Amino acid sequence: MITLFQPVFFSFSLVRFLEQTFTSTIIVDFFHAVTSLSFALFHFQSAQGLVEFMKMYVFLFVCILHQFLNNYFGEIIKYWQVRVSDATYQTPWYLRDAQFRRSIQIITARTRTPIMMNGLKMYILCLASFIEFMKRIFSYYTVLKEVSK
């Protein structure tokens, strides 16, 4: 019976380990992306020549894709956590023994508060954060454009 739930418990412990390990690098990556993409957009408007234009375009595309994938996978973690909770509830736990029911209760309780990958509790990896990230980049770009006039 315990071997049945070991993958679930391992997944939760792995996500918590990743959250604790990468929390500072996530926020550093976020701040780096905001500043570098804001300046890259500013430089993009004054690109001269096809080669420079393509270099800036590829850089912007790859950096935005990188941030999107980070946030997308954070959203996937939240989604599958909800699916685990639903799946445990859908099992015929009421027909099983007390140890199984206790394990189901533990899994359900652990999935009530979602585990979210975040950067020092300031930047949560989800698609809503990606939208805010893009808004922030364009805001800083606009400020840079106005200051340079």
Protein backbone atom coordinates (compact mmCIF):
# COMPACT_ATOMS: atom_id res chain seq x y z
CA MET A 1 0.00 0.00 0.00
CA ILE A 2 2.76 2.43 0.89
CA THR A 3 4.40 1.81 -2.50
CA LEU A 4 1.19 3.01 -4.15
CA PHE A 5 1.56 6.50 -2.64
CA GLN A 6 5.35 6.80 -2.76
CA PRO A 7 5.37 8.51 -6.20
CA VAL A 8 2.92 11.13 -4.95
CA PHE A 9 4.91 11.84 -1.79
CA PHE A 10 8.14 11.87 -3.80
CA SER A 11 6.63 14.39 -6.25
CA PHE A 12 5.58 16.71 -3.43
CA SER A 13 8.98 16.51 -1.76
CA LEU A 14 10.73 17.10 -5.10
CA VAL A 15 8.65 20.20 -5.86
CA ARG A 16 9.28 21.58 -2.37
CA PHE A 17 13.02 20.93 -2.78
CA LEU A 18 13.02 22.71 -6.16
CA GLU A 19 11.08 25.61 -4.68
CA GLN A 20 13.58 26.02 -1.83
CA THR A 21 16.60 25.57 -4.08
CA PHE A 22 15.64 27.90 -6.90
CA THR A 23 13.67 30.63 -5.12
CA SER A 24 16.53 33.13 -5.25
CA THR A 25 17.55 32.29 -8.81
CA ILE A 26 13.96 32.71 -10.01
CA ILE A 27 13.78 36.28 -8.71
CA VAL A 28 17.26 37.12 -10.05
CA ASP A 29 16.26 35.70 -13.44
CA PHE A 30 13.07 37.78 -13.35
CA PHE A 31 14.87 41.07 -12.56
CA HIS A 32 17.57 40.32 -15.11
CA ALA A 33 14.97 39.59 -17.78
CA VAL A 34 13.00 42.76 -17.04
CA THR A 35 16.03 45.01 -17.28
CA SER A 36 17.72 43.30 -20.22
CA LEU A 37 14.51 43.04 -22.25
CA SER A 38 13.60 46.66 -21.56
CA PHE A 39 16.99 47.82 -22.82
CA ALA A 40 16.84 45.35 -25.71
CA LEU A 41 13.49 46.76 -26.82
CA PHE A 42 14.95 50.24 -26.58
CA HIS A 43 17.94 49.18 -28.67
CA PHE A 44 15.66 47.28 -31.08
CA GLN A 45 13.96 50.49 -32.21
CA SER A 46 17.28 51.94 -33.32
CA ALA A 47 18.69 48.79 -34.95
CA GLN A 48 20.38 49.59 -38.22
CA GLY A 49 20.90 46.92 -40.79
CA LEU A 50 19.33 43.54 -41.24
CA VAL A 51 21.94 41.64 -39.21
CA GLU A 52 21.58 43.83 -36.13
CA PHE A 53 17.79 43.74 -36.47
CA MET A 54 17.78 39.93 -36.66
CA LYS A 55 20.17 39.61 -33.69
CA MET A 56 17.91 41.76 -31.55
CA TYR A 57 14.79 39.98 -32.76
CA VAL A 58 16.21 36.54 -31.93
CA PHE A 59 17.45 37.76 -28.54
CA LEU A 60 14.03 39.20 -27.66
CA PHE A 61 12.23 36.09 -28.86
CA VAL A 62 14.45 33.68 -26.94
CA CYS A 63 14.32 35.71 -23.71
CA ILE A 64 10.54 36.07 -23.83
CA LEU A 65 10.17 32.38 -24.66
CA HIS A 66 12.42 31.52 -21.71
CA GLN A 67 10.25 33.52 -19.32
CA PHE A 68 7.07 32.11 -20.82
CA LEU A 69 8.26 28.54 -20.38
CA ASN A 70 9.25 29.19 -16.76
CA ASN A 71 5.79 30.53 -16.03
CA TYR A 72 4.04 27.87 -18.09
CA PHE A 73 5.71 25.05 -16.19
CA GLY A 74 4.84 26.75 -12.91
CA GLU A 75 1.23 26.74 -14.09
CA ILE A 76 1.51 23.06 -15.03
CA ILE A 77 2.70 22.22 -11.51
CA LYS A 78 -0.37 23.94 -10.07
CA TYR A 79 -2.67 22.19 -12.54
CA TRP A 80 -1.36 18.71 -11.80
CA GLN A 81 -1.53 19.32 -8.10
CA VAL A 82 -5.25 20.03 -8.44
CA ARG A 83 -5.59 16.92 -10.58
CA VAL A 84 -3.94 14.82 -7.85
CA SER A 85 -6.42 16.18 -5.34
CA ASP A 86 -9.35 15.41 -7.63
CA ALA A 87 -8.05 11.94 -8.43
CA THR A 88 -7.61 11.04 -4.78
CA TYR A 89 -11.13 12.20 -4.04
CA GLN A 90 -12.53 10.21 -6.99
CA THR A 91 -11.00 6.93 -5.82
CA PRO A 92 -13.35 4.57 -3.99
CA TRP A 93 -11.55 5.31 -0.72
CA TYR A 94 -14.66 4.55 1.34
CA LEU A 95 -14.42 0.88 0.31
CA ARG A 96 -10.82 0.50 1.49
CA ASP A 97 -9.21 -0.08 4.86
CA ALA A 98 -8.38 2.58 7.44
CA GLN A 99 -4.71 2.92 6.41
CA PHE A 100 -5.69 3.64 2.81
CA ARG A 101 -8.29 6.22 3.89
CA ARG A 102 -5.70 7.89 6.12
CA SER A 103 -3.27 8.07 3.19
CA ILE A 104 -5.96 9.62 1.00
CA GLN A 105 -6.67 12.21 3.68
CA ILE A 106 -2.98 13.09 3.90
CA ILE A 107 -2.68 13.50 0.14
CA THR A 108 -5.83 15.61 -0.04
CA ALA A 109 -4.67 17.80 2.84
CA ARG A 110 -1.28 18.36 1.21
CA THR A 111 -2.86 19.41 -2.07
CA ARG A 112 -5.24 21.97 -0.52
CA THR A 113 -2.55 24.63 -0.39
CA PRO A 114 -0.92 24.60 -3.80
CA ILE A 115 2.83 24.42 -4.10
CA MET A 116 3.90 27.28 -6.31
CA MET A 117 7.36 27.89 -7.62
CA ASN A 118 8.26 31.44 -6.69
CA GLY A 119 11.08 33.89 -6.40
CA LEU A 120 11.45 34.90 -2.75
CA LYS A 121 7.63 34.98 -2.42
CA MET A 122 7.58 38.06 -4.70
CA TYR A 123 7.25 36.48 -8.13
CA ILE A 124 5.10 33.37 -8.55
CA LEU A 125 5.63 31.32 -11.67
CA CYS A 126 2.24 31.28 -13.37
CA LEU A 127 0.73 32.66 -16.56
CA ALA A 128 -0.77 35.66 -14.77
CA SER A 129 2.74 36.60 -13.64
CA PHE A 130 3.96 36.29 -17.23
CA ILE A 131 1.36 38.83 -18.34
CA GLU A 132 2.46 41.20 -15.55
CA PHE A 133 6.07 40.58 -16.58
CA MET A 134 5.31 41.64 -20.17
CA LYS A 135 3.43 44.73 -18.96
CA ARG A 136 6.38 45.69 -16.78
CA ILE A 137 8.84 45.32 -19.66
CA PHE A 138 6.80 47.60 -21.89
CA SER A 139 6.36 50.11 -19.07
CA TYR A 140 10.11 50.31 -18.52
CA TYR A 141 10.66 50.48 -22.27
CA THR A 142 8.26 53.41 -22.48
CA VAL A 143 10.08 55.19 -19.66
CA LEU A 144 13.43 54.63 -21.41
CA LYS A 145 11.98 55.93 -24.66
CA GLU A 146 10.61 59.08 -22.99
CA VAL A 147 13.83 59.74 -21.08
CA SER A 148 15.94 59.45 -24.24
CA LYS A 149 13.96 62.14 -26.10
